[in-house]
């Protein structure tokens, strides 16, 4: 047993996550502040449709990889703010209100 092998984990993540999900996590990892869903949508190569993107983002939220930290008063999902999560899966699988 050697040291921690990042390439192995990257290969595994690439098989378990959609490429857009990896790009979402990478964008949040590179910043020190939450990003809106709209900003995250722009980071995805291949431009998935908005509804597919929302599904991928919510799946990451349910897994605890990202966390919803702000929703505007009009509940516009494009302006919802996310940050990296602590990988704590929500017991009921639903998002918590900010």
C-alpha atoms as a PDB file:
ATOM      1  CA  UNK A   1       0.000   0.000   0.000  1.00  0.00           C
ATOM      2  CA  UNK A   2       1.437   3.279  -1.115  1.00  0.00           C
ATOM      3  CA  UNK A   3       0.382   6.890  -0.884  1.00  0.00           C
ATOM      4  CA  UNK A   4      -2.911   8.338  -1.970  1.00  0.00           C
ATOM      5  CA  UNK A   5      -3.421   7.850  -5.731  1.00  0.00           C
ATOM      6  CA  UNK A   6      -5.450  10.781  -7.092  1.00  0.00           C
ATOM      7  CA  UNK A   7      -5.527   9.353 -10.620  1.00  0.00           C
ATOM      8  CA  UNK A   8      -7.419   6.290  -9.397  1.00  0.00           C
ATOM      9  CA  UNK A   9     -10.078   8.461  -7.732  1.00  0.00           C
ATOM     10  CA  UNK A  10     -10.362  10.689 -10.809  1.00  0.00           C
ATOM     11  CA  UNK A  11     -10.901   7.642 -13.007  1.00  0.00           C
ATOM     12  CA  UNK A  12     -13.571   6.322 -10.642  1.00  0.00           C
ATOM     13  CA  UNK A  13     -15.334   9.695 -10.459  1.00  0.00           C
ATOM     14  CA  UNK A  14     -15.286   9.881 -14.243  1.00  0.00           C
ATOM     15  CA  UNK A  15     -17.200   6.612 -14.385  1.00  0.00           C
ATOM     16  CA  UNK A  16     -19.713   7.495 -11.674  1.00  0.00           C
ATOM     17  CA  UNK A  17     -20.436  11.137 -12.446  1.00  0.00           C
ATOM     18  CA  UNK A  18     -21.656  12.908 -15.560  1.00  0.00           C
ATOM     19  CA  UNK A  19     -18.911  15.125 -17.077  1.00  0.00           C
ATOM     20  CA  UNK A  20     -21.020  18.201 -16.264  1.00  0.00           C
ATOM     21  CA  UNK A  21     -21.124  17.176 -12.583  1.00  0.00           C
ATOM     22  CA  UNK A  22     -17.342  16.977 -12.508  1.00  0.00           C
ATOM     23  CA  UNK A  23     -17.169  20.456 -14.062  1.00  0.00           C
ATOM     24  CA  UNK A  24     -19.627  21.792 -11.450  1.00  0.00           C
ATOM     25  CA  UNK A  25     -17.515  20.408  -8.603  1.00  0.00           C
ATOM     26  CA  UNK A  26     -14.324  21.747 -10.182  1.00  0.00           C
ATOM     27  CA  UNK A  27     -15.812  25.245 -10.633  1.00  0.00           C
ATOM     28  CA  UNK A  28     -16.905  25.353  -6.983  1.00  0.00           C
ATOM     29  CA  UNK A  29     -13.567  23.979  -5.817  1.00  0.00           C
ATOM     30  CA  UNK A  30     -11.713  26.818  -7.578  1.00  0.00           C
ATOM     31  CA  UNK A  31     -13.663  29.643  -5.920  1.00  0.00           C
ATOM     32  CA  UNK A  32     -14.045  30.879  -2.371  1.00  0.00           C
ATOM     33  CA  UNK A  33     -17.663  31.994  -2.729  1.00  0.00           C
ATOM     34  CA  UNK A  34     -20.969  30.382  -3.772  1.00  0.00           C
ATOM     35  CA  UNK A  35     -21.897  30.392  -7.459  1.00  0.00           C
ATOM     36  CA  UNK A  36     -25.348  30.676  -8.973  1.00  0.00           C
ATOM     37  CA  UNK A  37     -26.865  27.801 -10.891  1.00  0.00           C
ATOM     38  CA  UNK A  38     -26.639  30.043 -13.961  1.00  0.00           C
ATOM     39  CA  UNK A  39     -22.895  30.523 -13.477  1.00  0.00           C
ATOM     40  CA  UNK A  40     -22.439  26.793 -12.976  1.00  0.00           C
ATOM     41  CA  UNK A  41     -24.545  26.058 -16.064  1.00  0.00           C
ATOM     42  CA  UNK A  42     -22.124  28.141 -18.134  1.00  0.00           C
ATOM     43  CA  UNK A  43     -19.170  26.020 -16.952  1.00  0.00           C
ATOM     44  CA  UNK A  44     -20.576  22.807 -18.447  1.00  0.00           C
ATOM     45  CA  UNK A  45     -19.015  21.814 -21.741  1.00  0.00           C
ATOM     46  CA  UNK A  46     -21.406  20.272 -24.188  1.00  0.00           C
ATOM     47  CA  UNK A  47     -24.198  22.576 -23.030  1.00  0.00           C
ATOM     48  CA  UNK A  48     -26.738  20.136 -21.580  1.00  0.00           C
ATOM     49  CA  UNK A  49     -30.337  21.303 -21.675  1.00  0.00           C
ATOM     50  CA  UNK A  50     -31.335  23.347 -18.618  1.00  0.00           C
ATOM     51  CA  UNK A  51     -33.645  20.661 -17.207  1.00  0.00           C
ATOM     52  CA  UNK A  52     -30.923  18.005 -17.521  1.00  0.00           C
ATOM     53  CA  UNK A  53     -28.462  20.376 -15.844  1.00  0.00           C
ATOM     54  CA  UNK A  54     -30.880  21.008 -12.949  1.00  0.00           C
ATOM     55  CA  UNK A  55     -31.279  17.244 -12.495  1.00  0.00           C
ATOM     56  CA  UNK A  56     -27.482  16.782 -12.383  1.00  0.00           C
ATOM     57  CA  UNK A  57     -27.069  19.672  -9.918  1.00  0.00           C
ATOM     58  CA  UNK A  58     -29.837  18.423  -7.614  1.00  0.00           C
ATOM     59  CA  UNK A  59     -28.333  14.941  -7.676  1.00  0.00           C
ATOM     60  CA  UNK A  60     -25.032  16.417  -6.456  1.00  0.00           C
ATOM     61  CA  UNK A  61     -26.971  18.294  -3.757  1.00  0.00           C
ATOM     62  CA  UNK A  62     -28.719  15.101  -2.622  1.00  0.00           C
ATOM     63  CA  UNK A  63     -25.358  13.317  -2.453  1.00  0.00           C
ATOM     64  CA  UNK A  64     -23.909  16.150  -0.355  1.00  0.00           C
ATOM     65  CA  UNK A  65     -21.263  17.079  -2.945  1.00  0.00           C
ATOM     66  CA  UNK A  66     -22.771  20.573  -3.313  1.00  0.00           C
ATOM     67  CA  UNK A  67     -25.019  22.540  -1.001  1.00  0.00           C
ATOM     68  CA  UNK A  68     -27.792  25.015  -1.752  1.00  0.00           C
ATOM     69  CA  UNK A  69     -26.963  28.114   0.298  1.00  0.00           C
ATOM     70  CA  UNK A  70     -29.272  30.760  -1.106  1.00  0.00           C
ATOM     71  CA  UNK A  71     -32.505  31.047  -3.017  1.00  0.00           C
ATOM     72  CA  UNK A  72     -33.750  34.430  -4.241  1.00  0.00           C
ATOM     73  CA  UNK A  73     -37.144  35.697  -3.008  1.00  0.00           C
ATOM     74  CA  UNK A  74     -38.768  34.862  -6.357  1.00  0.00           C
ATOM     75  CA  UNK A  75     -37.370  31.278  -6.155  1.00  0.00           C
ATOM     76  CA  UNK A  76     -35.713  31.663  -9.564  1.00  0.00           C
ATOM     77  CA  UNK A  77     -33.676  28.436  -9.892  1.00  0.00           C
ATOM     78  CA  UNK A  78     -31.195  30.183 -12.217  1.00  0.00           C
ATOM     79  CA  UNK A  79     -30.185  32.478  -9.327  1.00  0.00           C
ATOM     80  CA  UNK A  80     -29.999  29.782  -6.614  1.00  0.00           C
ATOM     81  CA  UNK A  81     -26.542  29.831  -5.010  1.00  0.00           C
ATOM     82  CA  UNK A  82     -24.438  26.729  -4.368  1.00  0.00           C
ATOM     83  CA  UNK A  83     -21.134  25.914  -2.691  1.00  0.00           C
ATOM     84  CA  UNK A  84     -19.174  22.710  -2.194  1.00  0.00           C
ATOM     85  CA  UNK A  85     -20.885  20.420   0.273  1.00  0.00           C
ATOM     86  CA  UNK A  86     -19.407  18.353   3.040  1.00  0.00           C
ATOM     87  CA  UNK A  87     -20.538  15.097   1.362  1.00  0.00           C
ATOM     88  CA  UNK A  88     -23.174  14.514   4.025  1.00  0.00           C
ATOM     89  CA  UNK A  89     -26.093  12.814   2.334  1.00  0.00           C
ATOM     90  CA  UNK A  90     -29.459  14.131   3.397  1.00  0.00           C
ATOM     91  CA  UNK A  91     -31.393  11.426   5.217  1.00  0.00           C
ATOM     92  CA  UNK A  92     -34.617  11.893   3.268  1.00  0.00           C
ATOM     93  CA  UNK A  93     -32.904  12.676  -0.054  1.00  0.00           C
ATOM     94  CA  UNK A  94     -34.485  16.146  -0.239  1.00  0.00           C
ATOM     95  CA  UNK A  95     -32.862  19.543  -0.210  1.00  0.00           C
ATOM     96  CA  UNK A  96     -32.941  21.552   2.983  1.00  0.00           C
ATOM     97  CA  UNK A  97     -34.277  25.086   2.838  1.00  0.00           C
ATOM     98  CA  UNK A  98     -31.499  27.687   3.190  1.00  0.00           C
END
